[in-house]
Amino acid sequence: MNNNDILRRLRYTFNFNDKQMVAIFASAGEEVNREQVSQWLKKDDDSDFVALFDTKLAVFLNGFINEKRGKKPGAQAIPEKRLSNNIILTKLKIALNLQAEQIISLLSEVDFRLSKPELSAFSRKVDHKHYRECKDQVLRNLLQAIDKKYHVERSKKIASPTDSQTKARNDKGNYAKKKQNKTPPSSPWVEGARPNASSVYVNPNSTTSPKRQRLKLAK
């Protein structure tokens, strides 16, 4: 597979920003800048596209292992000068702490069938009689399966203070319009009086209490 494509897929799946990408390289002992990362992530037909060499991808995958599993004390693993799909698969397996059964299950989720002996053959040494080369189809489907399981959703846009202030002004304006267009009650009412106030007026300055009427009960 194309090294740049692998880098793009992992960056997309785990939603790494440029700063995180730079940090992943740094954790594996390689200093890179944002411009380099941006060039590696460009589409192949972009004028600013720069091919990612095997050594650089090996460094990133080593850093990816550090990111996911924690960096071990001691000397950092030496990046391979030449990568194969078998090595890339092994590094992904280590980074995500995947067992053989889990990889087979992941692949089945994207309708790709792989047996345990076939998977085991990818981890053999090149000179082993049971060694098998990992084809692009296997690695491509594994990356697709990893994306399906581990894809990190991008966070929603956070409203800026300006947006909040604009919303507050709009809400205030809408409230004023509603108050202005409010329909007055149908019954007669006095400005400033409560609509549901009693219609019986009592003089607050009166010194005499109102007489109570006695009701006569029919005999």
Protein backbone atom coordinates (compact mmCIF):
# COMPACT_ATOMS: atom_id res chain seq x y z
CA MET A 1 0.00 0.00 0.00
CA ASN A 2 0.93 3.63 -0.40
CA ASN A 3 2.67 4.93 2.75
CA ASN A 4 0.92 8.29 2.53
CA ASP A 5 -2.45 6.58 2.27
CA ILE A 6 -1.76 4.59 5.44
CA LEU A 7 -0.79 7.78 7.26
CA ARG A 8 -3.93 9.54 6.03
CA ARG A 9 -6.17 6.68 7.10
CA LEU A 10 -4.74 6.49 10.62
CA ARG A 11 -4.87 10.25 11.03
CA TYR A 12 -8.52 10.27 9.94
CA THR A 13 -9.58 7.27 12.04
CA PHE A 14 -8.12 8.58 15.29
CA ASN A 15 -8.75 12.26 14.51
CA PHE A 16 -5.17 13.35 15.13
CA ASN A 17 -4.57 17.05 14.51
CA ASP A 18 -1.26 18.38 13.19
CA LYS A 19 0.06 19.03 16.70
CA GLN A 20 -0.68 15.46 17.75
CA MET A 21 0.91 14.09 14.59
CA VAL A 22 4.10 16.03 15.31
CA ALA A 23 4.06 14.74 18.90
CA ILE A 24 3.68 11.12 17.75
CA PHE A 25 6.75 11.43 15.54
CA ALA A 26 8.63 13.12 18.39
CA SER A 27 7.80 10.32 20.84
CA ALA A 28 9.63 7.94 18.50
CA GLY A 29 12.65 10.20 18.28
CA GLU A 30 11.92 12.05 15.04
CA GLU A 31 11.51 15.82 14.88
CA VAL A 32 9.12 16.92 12.15
CA ASN A 33 7.15 20.11 11.62
CA ARG A 34 3.57 20.84 10.63
CA GLU A 35 4.52 21.71 7.07
CA GLN A 36 6.03 18.25 6.56
CA VAL A 37 2.97 16.56 8.06
CA SER A 38 0.71 18.63 5.83
CA GLN A 39 2.69 17.68 2.72
CA TRP A 40 2.54 13.97 3.57
CA LEU A 41 -1.22 14.18 4.04
CA LYS A 42 -1.88 15.91 0.72
CA LYS A 43 -3.55 13.99 -2.08
CA ASP A 44 -1.20 12.32 -4.50
CA ASP A 45 -2.11 14.71 -7.32
CA ASP A 46 -1.60 17.84 -5.21
CA SER A 47 1.31 20.06 -6.22
CA ASP A 48 2.51 20.20 -2.58
CA PHE A 49 2.37 16.42 -2.10
CA VAL A 50 5.54 14.79 -0.75
CA ALA A 51 6.02 11.02 -0.68
CA LEU A 52 6.43 9.44 2.75
CA PHE A 53 9.43 7.12 2.86
CA ASP A 54 9.40 3.79 4.67
CA THR A 55 11.65 5.03 7.47
CA LYS A 56 9.31 7.93 8.26
CA LEU A 57 6.23 5.70 8.31
CA ALA A 58 8.09 3.23 10.55
CA VAL A 59 8.86 6.11 12.94
CA PHE A 60 5.22 7.16 12.96
CA LEU A 61 4.02 3.61 13.65
CA ASN A 62 6.52 3.29 16.50
CA GLY A 63 5.18 6.56 17.88
CA PHE A 64 1.64 5.28 17.37
CA ILE A 65 2.51 2.32 19.58
CA ASN A 66 3.80 4.75 22.22
CA GLU A 67 0.61 6.77 21.91
CA LYS A 68 -1.68 3.79 22.40
CA ARG A 69 0.31 1.54 24.71
CA GLY A 70 2.56 3.98 26.53
CA LYS A 71 6.23 4.60 25.94
CA LYS A 72 8.51 1.98 27.44
CA PRO A 73 11.59 3.10 29.36
CA GLY A 74 14.92 2.66 27.66
CA ALA A 75 16.06 3.06 24.09
CA GLN A 76 13.46 3.68 21.42
CA ALA A 77 12.96 1.00 18.76
CA ILE A 78 15.03 1.60 15.65
CA PRO A 79 12.77 2.30 12.64
CA GLU A 80 13.00 -0.10 9.73
CA LYS A 81 14.61 1.23 6.59
CA ARG A 82 12.30 -0.88 4.48
CA LEU A 83 8.70 -1.66 5.41
CA SER A 84 6.48 -4.49 4.26
CA ASN A 85 2.77 -4.98 4.76
CA ASN A 86 3.65 -7.75 7.23
CA ILE A 87 5.62 -5.33 9.42
CA ILE A 88 2.91 -2.68 9.22
CA LEU A 89 0.25 -5.21 10.23
CA THR A 90 2.38 -6.33 13.18
CA LYS A 91 2.87 -2.75 14.38
CA LEU A 92 -0.87 -2.03 14.15
CA LYS A 93 -1.55 -5.24 16.05
CA ILE A 94 0.83 -4.17 18.84
CA ALA A 95 -0.45 -0.58 18.98
CA LEU A 96 -4.09 -1.62 19.36
CA ASN A 97 -3.27 -4.67 21.48
CA LEU A 98 -5.12 -6.99 19.13
CA GLN A 99 -5.12 -10.76 19.43
CA ALA A 100 -5.47 -13.02 16.40
CA GLU A 101 -9.14 -13.74 17.13
CA GLN A 102 -9.87 -10.02 17.38
CA ILE A 103 -8.23 -9.28 14.03
CA ILE A 104 -10.21 -12.06 12.37
CA SER A 105 -13.39 -10.71 13.96
CA LEU A 106 -12.60 -7.16 12.82
CA LEU A 107 -12.05 -8.32 9.26
CA SER A 108 -15.33 -10.23 9.28
CA GLU A 109 -17.09 -6.93 10.08
CA VAL A 110 -16.04 -5.66 6.65
CA ASP A 111 -16.90 -8.97 4.97
CA PHE A 112 -13.32 -10.15 4.62
CA ARG A 113 -12.53 -13.73 5.60
CA LEU A 114 -9.14 -14.72 6.98
CA SER A 115 -8.22 -17.89 8.85
CA LYS A 116 -6.02 -18.04 11.91
CA PRO A 117 -3.25 -20.03 10.14
CA GLU A 118 -3.20 -17.43 7.35
CA LEU A 119 -2.91 -14.61 9.86
CA SER A 120 -0.22 -16.46 11.76
CA ALA A 121 1.78 -16.88 8.56
CA PHE A 122 2.05 -13.09 8.21
CA SER A 123 3.99 -12.93 11.49
CA ARG A 124 6.56 -15.55 10.52
CA LYS A 125 10.11 -14.67 9.60
CA VAL A 126 10.74 -14.28 5.92
CA ASP A 127 12.89 -17.41 5.77
CA HIS A 128 10.27 -19.54 7.56
CA LYS A 129 8.63 -22.18 5.40
CA HIS A 130 5.15 -21.07 6.48
CA TYR A 131 5.79 -17.37 5.88
CA ARG A 132 3.23 -15.64 3.68
CA GLU A 133 3.32 -12.14 2.26
CA CYS A 134 0.54 -9.85 3.46
CA LYS A 135 -1.15 -8.51 0.36
CA ASP A 136 -2.46 -4.97 -0.03
CA GLN A 137 -6.02 -6.30 0.05
CA VAL A 138 -5.55 -7.67 3.57
CA LEU A 139 -3.98 -4.50 4.93
CA ARG A 140 -6.53 -2.27 3.22
CA ASN A 141 -9.43 -4.23 4.71
CA LEU A 142 -7.80 -4.24 8.13
CA LEU A 143 -7.45 -0.44 8.06
CA GLN A 144 -11.09 -0.20 7.02
CA ALA A 145 -12.10 -2.50 9.88
CA ILE A 146 -10.03 -0.48 12.35
CA ASP A 147 -11.73 2.69 11.17
CA LYS A 148 -15.14 1.09 11.65
CA LYS A 149 -14.35 0.10 15.23
CA TYR A 150 -12.09 2.88 16.49
CA HIS A 151 -13.20 5.92 14.50
CA VAL A 152 -13.11 9.04 16.67
CA GLU A 153 -15.92 11.49 15.97
CA ARG A 154 -14.95 15.10 15.53
CA SER A 155 -16.25 17.41 18.25
CA LYS A 156 -19.12 19.74 17.43
CA LYS A 157 -18.40 23.41 16.79
CA ILE A 158 -18.30 25.40 20.01
CA ALA A 159 -20.22 28.67 19.89
CA SER A 160 -17.95 31.70 20.15
CA PRO A 161 -18.68 34.62 22.53
CA THR A 162 -19.70 36.70 19.51
CA ASP A 163 -22.28 34.07 18.52
CA SER A 164 -23.64 34.00 22.08
CA GLN A 165 -23.96 37.79 22.19
CA THR A 166 -25.75 37.84 18.84
CA LYS A 167 -28.17 35.17 20.04
CA ALA A 168 -28.85 37.13 23.23
CA ARG A 169 -29.62 40.29 21.25
CA ASN A 170 -31.96 38.38 18.94
CA ASP A 171 -33.77 36.81 21.89
CA LYS A 172 -34.17 40.23 23.51
CA GLY A 173 -35.55 41.71 20.29
CA ASN A 174 -38.02 38.85 19.85
CA TYR A 175 -39.23 39.29 23.43
CA ALA A 176 -39.79 43.02 22.88
CA LYS A 177 -41.81 42.33 19.73
CA LYS A 178 -43.97 39.77 21.52
CA LYS A 179 -44.61 42.21 24.36
CA GLN A 180 -45.51 44.98 21.91
CA ASN A 181 -47.91 42.77 19.97
CA LYS A 182 -49.59 41.34 23.05
CA THR A 183 -53.41 41.50 22.78
CA PRO A 184 -55.07 43.35 25.70
CA PRO A 185 -57.82 41.55 27.67
CA SER A 186 -61.36 41.83 26.30
CA SER A 187 -62.87 43.10 29.59
CA PRO A 188 -62.47 46.76 30.66
CA TRP A 189 -59.28 47.35 32.50
CA VAL A 190 -57.38 50.19 34.06
CA GLU A 191 -53.81 51.02 33.11
CA GLY A 192 -51.51 49.61 35.75
CA ALA A 193 -54.20 47.43 37.35
CA ARG A 194 -54.07 43.68 37.48
CA PRO A 195 -56.39 42.07 34.93
CA ASN A 196 -57.83 39.68 37.51
CA ALA A 197 -58.30 42.25 40.28
CA SER A 198 -61.66 42.36 42.07
CA SER A 199 -64.24 44.76 40.60
CA VAL A 200 -65.39 45.80 44.12
CA TYR A 201 -63.63 48.95 45.22
CA VAL A 202 -62.77 49.42 48.89
CA ASN A 203 -61.60 52.79 50.15
CA PRO A 204 -58.27 52.18 51.88
CA ASN A 205 -58.73 55.36 53.97
CA SER A 206 -62.17 54.41 55.31
CA THR A 207 -62.41 54.19 59.12
CA THR A 208 -65.58 52.14 59.12
CA SER A 209 -65.70 48.55 58.13
CA PRO A 210 -68.30 47.54 55.59
CA LYS A 211 -71.50 46.09 57.02
CA ARG A 212 -72.13 42.45 56.50
CA GLN A 213 -75.50 41.39 55.24
CA ARG A 214 -77.28 38.66 57.13
CA LEU A 215 -79.05 36.03 55.15
CA LYS A 216 -82.41 34.90 56.46
CA LEU A 217 -83.07 31.22 56.25
CA ALA A 218 -86.46 30.14 55.04
CA LYS A 219 -88.55 28.41 57.69
